[in-house]
Amino acid sequence: MKHFCTFWTLKQQRVFCRLVASLPPLVIAVLMTDLSVTLQISGIFGVYVAFIAPALLQLIAQREDPRENMYSGRFSGEPYIYLVLVFGIAAFGILSFQIGTQGV
């Protein structure tokens, strides 16, 4: 199994990944006094996690190994992947615009 840093131990890599995942919400929580703004920003990243990242992973996996497997189905085709990707990018853009116009 390939690791992203060969000079770090597995435990150090785990700590690094946990810090990368936990520090941005903590920094936003310290800087923002309004909880609703923090939740709105979290919602933007929720769109990324729910729509954009899985579509990109499916697209890359399908291009790397195009064979059918037991998880392949009607909605595994590229048109559906691009549809989800376009929806996710549009939702991400709309939410970002709405939060940006609120003066955050």
Protein backbone atom coordinates (compact mmCIF):
# COMPACT_ATOMS: atom_id res chain seq x y z
CA MET A 1 0.00 0.00 0.00
CA LYS A 2 1.38 3.40 -0.98
CA HIS A 3 1.43 6.18 1.58
CA PHE A 4 1.51 9.87 0.80
CA CYS A 5 4.71 10.41 2.80
CA THR A 6 7.27 7.68 2.96
CA PHE A 7 9.37 9.35 5.64
CA TRP A 8 6.54 9.53 8.19
CA THR A 9 5.35 6.60 10.22
CA LEU A 10 1.74 5.45 9.91
CA LYS A 11 0.92 6.96 13.30
CA GLN A 12 2.36 10.34 12.27
CA GLN A 13 0.38 10.24 9.05
CA ARG A 14 -2.84 9.59 10.96
CA VAL A 15 -2.17 12.48 13.35
CA PHE A 16 -1.43 14.77 10.39
CA CYS A 17 -4.63 13.80 8.58
CA ARG A 18 -6.68 14.31 11.73
CA LEU A 19 -5.18 17.77 12.22
CA VAL A 20 -5.89 18.69 8.60
CA ALA A 21 -9.51 17.63 9.07
CA SER A 22 -10.06 19.25 12.48
CA LEU A 23 -8.19 22.55 12.34
CA PRO A 24 -10.26 24.42 9.70
CA PRO A 25 -13.57 24.08 11.60
CA LEU A 26 -11.85 25.13 14.82
CA VAL A 27 -10.29 28.19 13.19
CA ILE A 28 -13.64 29.17 11.66
CA ALA A 29 -15.36 28.71 15.03
CA VAL A 30 -12.81 30.99 16.72
CA LEU A 31 -13.07 33.70 14.05
CA MET A 32 -16.87 33.68 13.63
CA THR A 33 -19.08 34.75 16.49
CA ASP A 34 -22.35 33.77 14.79
CA LEU A 35 -23.08 30.04 14.88
CA SER A 36 -25.34 30.21 11.83
CA VAL A 37 -22.42 31.40 9.68
CA THR A 38 -20.31 28.49 10.87
CA LEU A 39 -23.12 26.08 10.00
CA GLN A 40 -23.53 27.67 6.55
CA ILE A 41 -19.83 27.26 5.80
CA SER A 42 -20.01 23.66 7.01
CA GLY A 43 -22.96 23.13 4.67
CA ILE A 44 -20.89 24.25 1.70
CA PHE A 45 -18.28 21.62 2.47
CA GLY A 46 -21.08 19.10 3.01
CA VAL A 47 -22.10 19.61 -0.63
CA TYR A 48 -18.52 18.87 -1.65
CA VAL A 49 -18.41 15.71 0.47
CA ALA A 50 -21.84 14.49 -0.63
CA PHE A 51 -21.75 15.22 -4.37
CA ILE A 52 -18.44 16.40 -5.81
CA ALA A 53 -15.93 14.07 -4.14
CA PRO A 54 -17.87 10.81 -4.77
CA ALA A 55 -18.48 11.75 -8.41
CA LEU A 56 -14.79 12.47 -8.94
CA LEU A 57 -13.81 9.22 -7.23
CA GLN A 58 -16.27 7.26 -9.40
CA LEU A 59 -14.98 8.95 -12.55
CA ILE A 60 -11.34 8.25 -11.73
CA ALA A 61 -12.05 4.65 -10.69
CA GLN A 62 -14.06 4.00 -13.82
CA ARG A 63 -11.33 5.37 -16.06
CA GLU A 64 -8.67 3.36 -14.26
CA ASP A 65 -10.62 0.07 -14.47
CA PRO A 66 -13.59 0.23 -16.87
CA ARG A 67 -14.68 -3.38 -16.34
CA GLU A 68 -18.11 -4.11 -14.90
CA ASN A 69 -18.20 -5.42 -11.34
CA MET A 70 -20.83 -6.41 -8.82
CA TYR A 71 -21.32 -2.75 -7.80
CA SER A 72 -21.94 -1.53 -11.35
CA GLY A 73 -25.46 -0.59 -12.22
CA ARG A 74 -27.65 1.55 -14.38
CA PHE A 75 -26.43 4.77 -12.77
CA SER A 76 -22.71 3.95 -12.98
CA GLY A 77 -22.30 5.43 -16.46
CA GLU A 78 -20.38 8.60 -17.23
CA PRO A 79 -23.48 10.69 -18.09
CA TYR A 80 -24.82 10.19 -14.56
CA ILE A 81 -21.44 10.92 -13.03
CA TYR A 82 -21.23 14.20 -14.93
CA LEU A 83 -24.82 15.03 -13.98
CA VAL A 84 -24.03 14.63 -10.28
CA LEU A 85 -20.79 16.55 -10.72
CA VAL A 86 -22.54 19.47 -12.45
CA PHE A 87 -25.25 19.50 -9.77
CA GLY A 88 -22.64 19.51 -7.00
CA ILE A 89 -20.63 22.31 -8.59
CA ALA A 90 -23.79 24.37 -9.18
CA ALA A 91 -24.95 23.85 -5.58
CA PHE A 92 -21.47 24.70 -4.29
CA GLY A 93 -21.44 27.88 -6.38
CA ILE A 94 -24.94 28.97 -5.37
CA LEU A 95 -24.26 28.41 -1.66
CA SER A 96 -20.93 30.21 -1.89
CA PHE A 97 -22.60 33.16 -3.64
CA GLN A 98 -25.37 33.32 -1.02
CA ILE A 99 -22.92 33.32 1.86
CA GLY A 100 -20.68 35.82 0.08
CA THR A 101 -23.55 38.27 -0.41
CA GLN A 102 -24.38 38.13 3.30
CA GLY A 103 -21.06 39.82 4.04
CA VAL A 104 -19.33 36.93 5.77
